[in-house]
Amino acid sequence: MINSPAEVLKNTEQMALNKYQGSQIKLAVLGILGGAFISLGGLFSFYLAYGSLGITEGSPGFFRLIQGLSFPIGLVLISLVGGELFTGNTAVLFTGARKGFISWRYVFANWLMTWLTNFVGAVLVCFFLAHLTGLLQVEPWQSGIASIASSKVSQPWHVIFLKGIGANWLVCLAIWLGMSSNEMFGRLVGLWLPVMVFVTLGFEHSIANMFYIPMGIMSGADVTVWEMVWNNLIPATLGNIVGGAILVGMVYSYAYGSKK
């Protein structure tokens, strides 16, 4: 069974209300899980892609596609098992605030809480499951993750911002598309395809970068915490807010929502 865009919007408005009525402790726990799940997806896709260099040499598009095909497991876990994701909440909570179900003050407080707890979850996976295990401390993974971290803090601010818009536009469209189906297979396909596109295109997702850059630093990249935050996480986050709240939350609320 397929839900119409109007039905999906109604469901997201109810989802926003449910988040508003939940406890802050649960929000923090689920936020840590959300960051951990995205980090696991990043770890899996990075490990697989850089472990396949022998068959992707000379084919950068195929190399990126391998990353794109394997990364979405993180969003699937969040959506089906349970977790809070800052980037998804930019769109979902906008619909509830527009409808009047929740306050704008709560929206911004939720965004801050989920951003911070996603960061905690992502770094925990980096440190305990990747760094301490030595999983990425051998070649080609060690130099690969260090190179990614350096690249992500070396791009102009406006480029990261624009890539951030593209990334979360697609992530929130994945959430919308996943909610359009009531069957497991349909939800998986809906969640998978847009995320695969954003990863393959190399767009900037702030929560995913909470894995890539700290992991690069742990692997020897010449990147400071300040460079990570100022050169990447801030512009990526701002772009993610535009891509999610404006291009999905606001646009679909206007197109398919009823007036308060």
Protein backbone atom coordinates (compact mmCIF):
# COMPACT_ATOMS: atom_id res chain seq x y z
CA MET A 1 0.00 0.00 0.00
CA ILE A 2 1.27 3.43 -0.98
CA ASN A 3 0.60 6.57 1.07
CA SER A 4 -0.06 9.77 -0.85
CA PRO A 5 2.14 12.85 -0.28
CA ALA A 6 -0.66 14.38 1.79
CA GLU A 7 -0.85 11.26 3.95
CA VAL A 8 2.92 11.25 4.41
CA LEU A 9 2.76 14.88 5.53
CA LYS A 10 0.03 14.07 8.03
CA ASN A 11 2.15 11.23 9.42
CA THR A 12 5.19 13.49 9.77
CA GLU A 13 3.11 16.07 11.63
CA GLN A 14 2.04 13.36 14.06
CA MET A 15 5.64 12.19 14.33
CA ALA A 16 6.68 15.73 15.26
CA LEU A 17 4.01 15.82 17.99
CA ASN A 18 5.19 12.45 19.34
CA LYS A 19 8.75 13.76 19.56
CA TYR A 20 7.50 16.87 21.39
CA GLN A 21 5.65 14.75 23.94
CA GLY A 22 8.60 12.41 24.56
CA SER A 23 11.15 12.78 27.34
CA GLN A 24 14.45 14.57 26.93
CA ILE A 25 16.34 11.59 28.36
CA LYS A 26 14.91 9.30 25.69
CA LEU A 27 15.70 11.93 23.08
CA ALA A 28 19.34 11.99 24.22
CA VAL A 29 19.64 8.19 24.22
CA LEU A 30 18.05 7.89 20.78
CA GLY A 31 20.24 10.73 19.54
CA ILE A 32 23.37 8.85 20.58
CA LEU A 33 22.02 5.76 18.81
CA GLY A 34 21.27 7.82 15.70
CA GLY A 35 24.83 9.14 15.52
CA ALA A 36 26.20 5.65 16.15
CA PHE A 37 24.07 4.15 13.34
CA ILE A 38 25.18 6.79 10.83
CA SER A 39 28.77 6.24 11.93
CA LEU A 40 28.40 2.49 11.37
CA GLY A 41 27.08 3.17 7.89
CA GLY A 42 30.04 5.44 7.20
CA LEU A 43 32.49 2.89 8.55
CA PHE A 44 30.97 0.09 6.48
CA SER A 45 30.88 2.06 3.24
CA PHE A 46 34.39 3.43 3.70
CA TYR A 47 35.86 0.03 4.57
CA LEU A 48 34.17 -1.64 1.62
CA ALA A 49 35.08 1.04 -0.94
CA TYR A 50 38.73 1.39 0.06
CA GLY A 51 39.04 -2.36 0.35
CA SER A 52 37.95 -2.65 -3.29
CA LEU A 53 40.54 -0.32 -4.83
CA GLY A 54 41.87 -3.14 -6.97
CA ILE A 55 38.63 -3.34 -8.95
CA THR A 56 37.74 0.37 -8.90
CA GLU A 57 41.11 1.80 -9.97
CA GLY A 58 40.53 4.16 -12.87
CA SER A 59 36.76 4.19 -12.20
CA PRO A 60 36.05 6.94 -9.64
CA GLY A 61 32.32 6.78 -10.33
CA PHE A 62 32.22 3.07 -9.53
CA PHE A 63 34.28 3.72 -6.38
CA ARG A 64 31.75 6.33 -5.24
CA LEU A 65 28.85 4.05 -6.14
CA ILE A 66 30.18 1.34 -3.84
CA GLN A 67 30.17 3.87 -1.02
CA GLY A 68 26.68 5.01 -1.97
CA LEU A 69 25.27 1.50 -2.09
CA SER A 70 26.59 0.57 1.35
CA PHE A 71 26.15 3.78 3.37
CA PRO A 72 22.31 3.87 3.73
CA ILE A 73 22.25 1.09 6.35
CA GLY A 74 22.59 3.84 8.98
CA LEU A 75 19.36 5.62 8.02
CA VAL A 76 17.58 2.26 7.67
CA LEU A 77 18.51 1.39 11.26
CA ILE A 78 17.35 4.78 12.53
CA SER A 79 14.03 4.56 10.72
CA LEU A 80 13.19 0.92 11.40
CA VAL A 81 14.94 0.11 14.69
CA GLY A 82 14.74 3.52 16.30
CA GLY A 83 16.98 6.54 16.63
CA GLU A 84 16.97 10.33 16.43
CA LEU A 85 18.76 12.08 13.59
CA PHE A 86 19.33 15.83 13.54
CA THR A 87 19.14 16.08 9.78
CA GLY A 88 15.86 14.19 9.53
CA ASN A 89 14.37 16.27 12.33
CA THR A 90 14.98 19.48 10.39
CA ALA A 91 12.15 18.50 8.04
CA VAL A 92 9.91 16.52 10.39
CA LEU A 93 9.75 19.13 13.14
CA PHE A 94 9.17 21.95 10.65
CA THR A 95 5.89 20.31 9.64
CA GLY A 96 4.73 20.08 13.25
CA ALA A 97 5.68 23.68 14.04
CA ARG A 98 3.95 24.95 10.91
CA LYS A 99 0.80 23.08 11.92
CA GLY A 100 0.99 24.53 15.43
CA PHE A 101 1.47 21.18 17.15
CA ILE A 102 4.82 22.19 18.63
CA SER A 103 6.61 25.45 19.39
CA TRP A 104 9.49 26.84 17.37
CA ARG A 105 11.44 27.02 20.63
CA TYR A 106 11.16 23.25 20.92
CA VAL A 107 12.22 22.81 17.30
CA PHE A 108 15.51 24.63 17.85
CA ALA A 109 16.10 22.93 21.22
CA ASN A 110 15.54 19.53 19.60
CA TRP A 111 17.88 20.32 16.73
CA LEU A 112 20.63 21.32 19.20
CA MET A 113 20.11 18.24 21.38
CA THR A 114 20.09 15.80 18.47
CA TRP A 115 23.11 17.46 16.83
CA LEU A 116 25.15 17.14 20.01
CA THR A 117 24.04 13.61 20.87
CA ASN A 118 24.54 12.46 17.27
CA PHE A 119 28.10 13.78 17.61
CA VAL A 120 28.59 11.74 20.79
CA GLY A 121 27.28 8.55 19.18
CA ALA A 122 29.38 8.99 16.06
CA VAL A 123 32.61 9.59 18.01
CA LEU A 124 31.94 6.62 20.29
CA VAL A 125 31.79 4.33 17.26
CA CYS A 126 34.95 5.95 15.86
CA PHE A 127 36.89 5.44 19.05
CA PHE A 128 35.72 2.05 20.30
CA LEU A 129 34.83 0.15 17.13
CA ALA A 130 37.31 1.61 14.63
CA HIS A 131 40.24 3.20 16.47
CA LEU A 132 40.79 0.84 19.42
CA THR A 133 40.21 -2.23 17.25
CA GLY A 134 42.81 -1.03 14.74
CA LEU A 135 40.31 -1.61 11.96
CA LEU A 136 41.48 1.39 9.94
CA GLN A 137 45.09 1.53 11.15
CA VAL A 138 46.39 -0.40 8.14
CA GLU A 139 46.61 0.54 4.48
CA PRO A 140 44.82 1.54 2.38
CA TRP A 141 42.28 2.53 5.02
CA GLN A 142 44.54 4.64 7.25
CA SER A 143 45.76 6.98 4.53
CA GLY A 144 42.32 6.96 2.92
CA ILE A 145 40.42 8.19 5.96
CA ALA A 146 43.12 10.77 6.70
CA SER A 147 42.83 12.06 3.14
CA ILE A 148 39.04 12.30 3.40
CA ALA A 149 39.26 14.28 6.65
CA SER A 150 41.80 16.70 5.17
CA SER A 151 39.70 17.17 2.04
CA LYS A 152 36.55 17.91 4.00
CA VAL A 153 38.14 20.81 5.89
CA SER A 154 39.92 22.23 2.84
CA GLN A 155 36.94 23.17 0.67
CA PRO A 156 35.50 26.71 0.57
CA TRP A 157 32.71 27.48 3.04
CA HIS A 158 30.12 28.10 0.33
CA VAL A 159 30.93 24.78 -1.36
CA ILE A 160 30.36 22.84 1.88
CA PHE A 161 27.16 24.81 2.47
CA LEU A 162 25.77 24.03 -0.98
CA LYS A 163 26.77 20.38 -0.72
CA GLY A 164 25.06 20.34 2.67
CA ILE A 165 21.83 21.51 1.06
CA GLY A 166 22.01 18.71 -1.49
CA ALA A 167 22.81 16.06 1.11
CA ASN A 168 19.91 16.74 3.44
CA TRP A 169 17.45 17.45 0.67
CA LEU A 170 18.05 13.86 -0.42
CA VAL A 171 18.13 12.43 3.13
CA CYS A 172 14.79 14.00 4.00
CA LEU A 173 13.33 12.91 0.66
CA ALA A 174 14.48 9.40 1.62
CA ILE A 175 12.54 9.67 4.88
CA TRP A 176 9.47 10.94 2.98
CA LEU A 177 9.80 8.20 0.39
CA GLY A 178 10.24 5.53 3.05
CA MET A 179 7.06 6.70 4.79
CA SER A 180 5.12 6.45 1.54
CA SER A 181 5.13 2.65 1.85
CA ASN A 182 3.59 0.47 4.55
CA GLU A 183 5.58 -2.60 3.51
CA MET A 184 9.13 -3.44 4.57
CA PHE A 185 10.55 -3.80 1.06
CA GLY A 186 9.03 -0.54 -0.11
CA ARG A 187 10.36 1.32 2.92
CA LEU A 188 13.84 -0.11 2.41
CA VAL A 189 13.93 0.95 -1.24
CA GLY A 190 12.57 4.40 -0.40
CA LEU A 191 15.15 4.96 2.31
CA TRP A 192 18.02 3.54 0.28
CA LEU A 193 17.86 5.24 -3.11
CA PRO A 194 18.09 8.98 -2.28
CA VAL A 195 20.82 8.37 0.32
CA MET A 196 22.76 6.34 -2.22
CA VAL A 197 22.59 9.33 -4.58
CA PHE A 198 23.86 11.88 -2.06
CA VAL A 199 26.80 9.71 -1.00
CA THR A 200 27.75 8.85 -4.58
CA LEU A 201 27.72 12.55 -5.49
CA GLY A 202 29.93 13.44 -2.52
CA PHE A 203 27.53 15.83 -0.80
CA GLU A 204 28.15 16.93 2.79
CA HIS A 205 26.10 15.44 5.63
CA SER A 206 27.03 16.96 8.98
CA ILE A 207 26.36 13.81 11.01
CA ALA A 208 28.22 11.53 8.61
CA ASN A 209 31.15 13.95 8.82
CA MET A 210 31.12 13.44 12.60
CA PHE A 211 32.46 10.00 11.72
CA TYR A 212 34.76 10.78 8.80
CA ILE A 213 36.66 13.74 10.26
CA PRO A 214 37.19 12.50 13.84
CA MET A 215 38.20 9.11 12.44
CA GLY A 216 40.66 10.84 10.15
CA ILE A 217 42.10 12.79 13.08
CA MET A 218 42.49 9.55 15.05
CA SER A 219 44.28 8.07 12.03
CA GLY A 220 46.84 10.86 11.79
CA ALA A 221 45.23 13.52 9.60
CA ASP A 222 46.70 16.99 10.11
CA VAL A 223 43.32 18.45 11.06
CA THR A 224 42.44 20.34 14.23
CA VAL A 225 39.11 20.21 16.07
CA TRP A 226 38.59 23.88 15.25
CA GLU A 227 39.11 23.21 11.53
CA MET A 228 36.62 20.35 11.71
CA VAL A 229 33.95 22.50 13.35
CA TRP A 230 34.46 25.81 11.53
CA ASN A 231 35.51 24.63 8.07
CA ASN A 232 33.05 21.76 7.76
CA LEU A 233 30.49 21.02 10.46
CA ILE A 234 29.07 24.54 10.69
CA PRO A 235 28.57 25.18 6.95
CA ALA A 236 27.41 21.58 6.41
CA THR A 237 24.92 21.93 9.27
CA LEU A 238 23.53 25.20 7.93
CA GLY A 239 23.20 23.68 4.48
CA ASN A 240 21.52 20.61 5.97
CA ILE A 241 18.95 22.85 7.68
CA VAL A 242 18.13 24.57 4.40
CA GLY A 243 17.91 21.27 2.52
CA GLY A 244 15.69 19.62 5.13
CA ALA A 245 13.58 22.36 6.71
CA ILE A 246 13.09 24.51 3.60
CA LEU A 247 13.27 22.21 0.57
CA VAL A 248 11.32 19.37 2.19
CA GLY A 249 9.54 20.49 5.36
CA MET A 250 8.36 23.90 4.14
CA VAL A 251 7.80 22.96 0.50
CA TYR A 252 5.71 19.87 1.24
CA SER A 253 3.80 21.59 4.06
CA TYR A 254 2.83 24.31 1.58
CA ALA A 255 2.06 21.91 -1.26
CA TYR A 256 0.03 19.32 0.64
CA GLY A 257 -0.83 20.79 4.04
CA SER A 258 -4.00 22.44 5.23
CA LYS A 259 -4.06 25.77 6.97
CA LYS A 260 -4.03 25.80 10.76
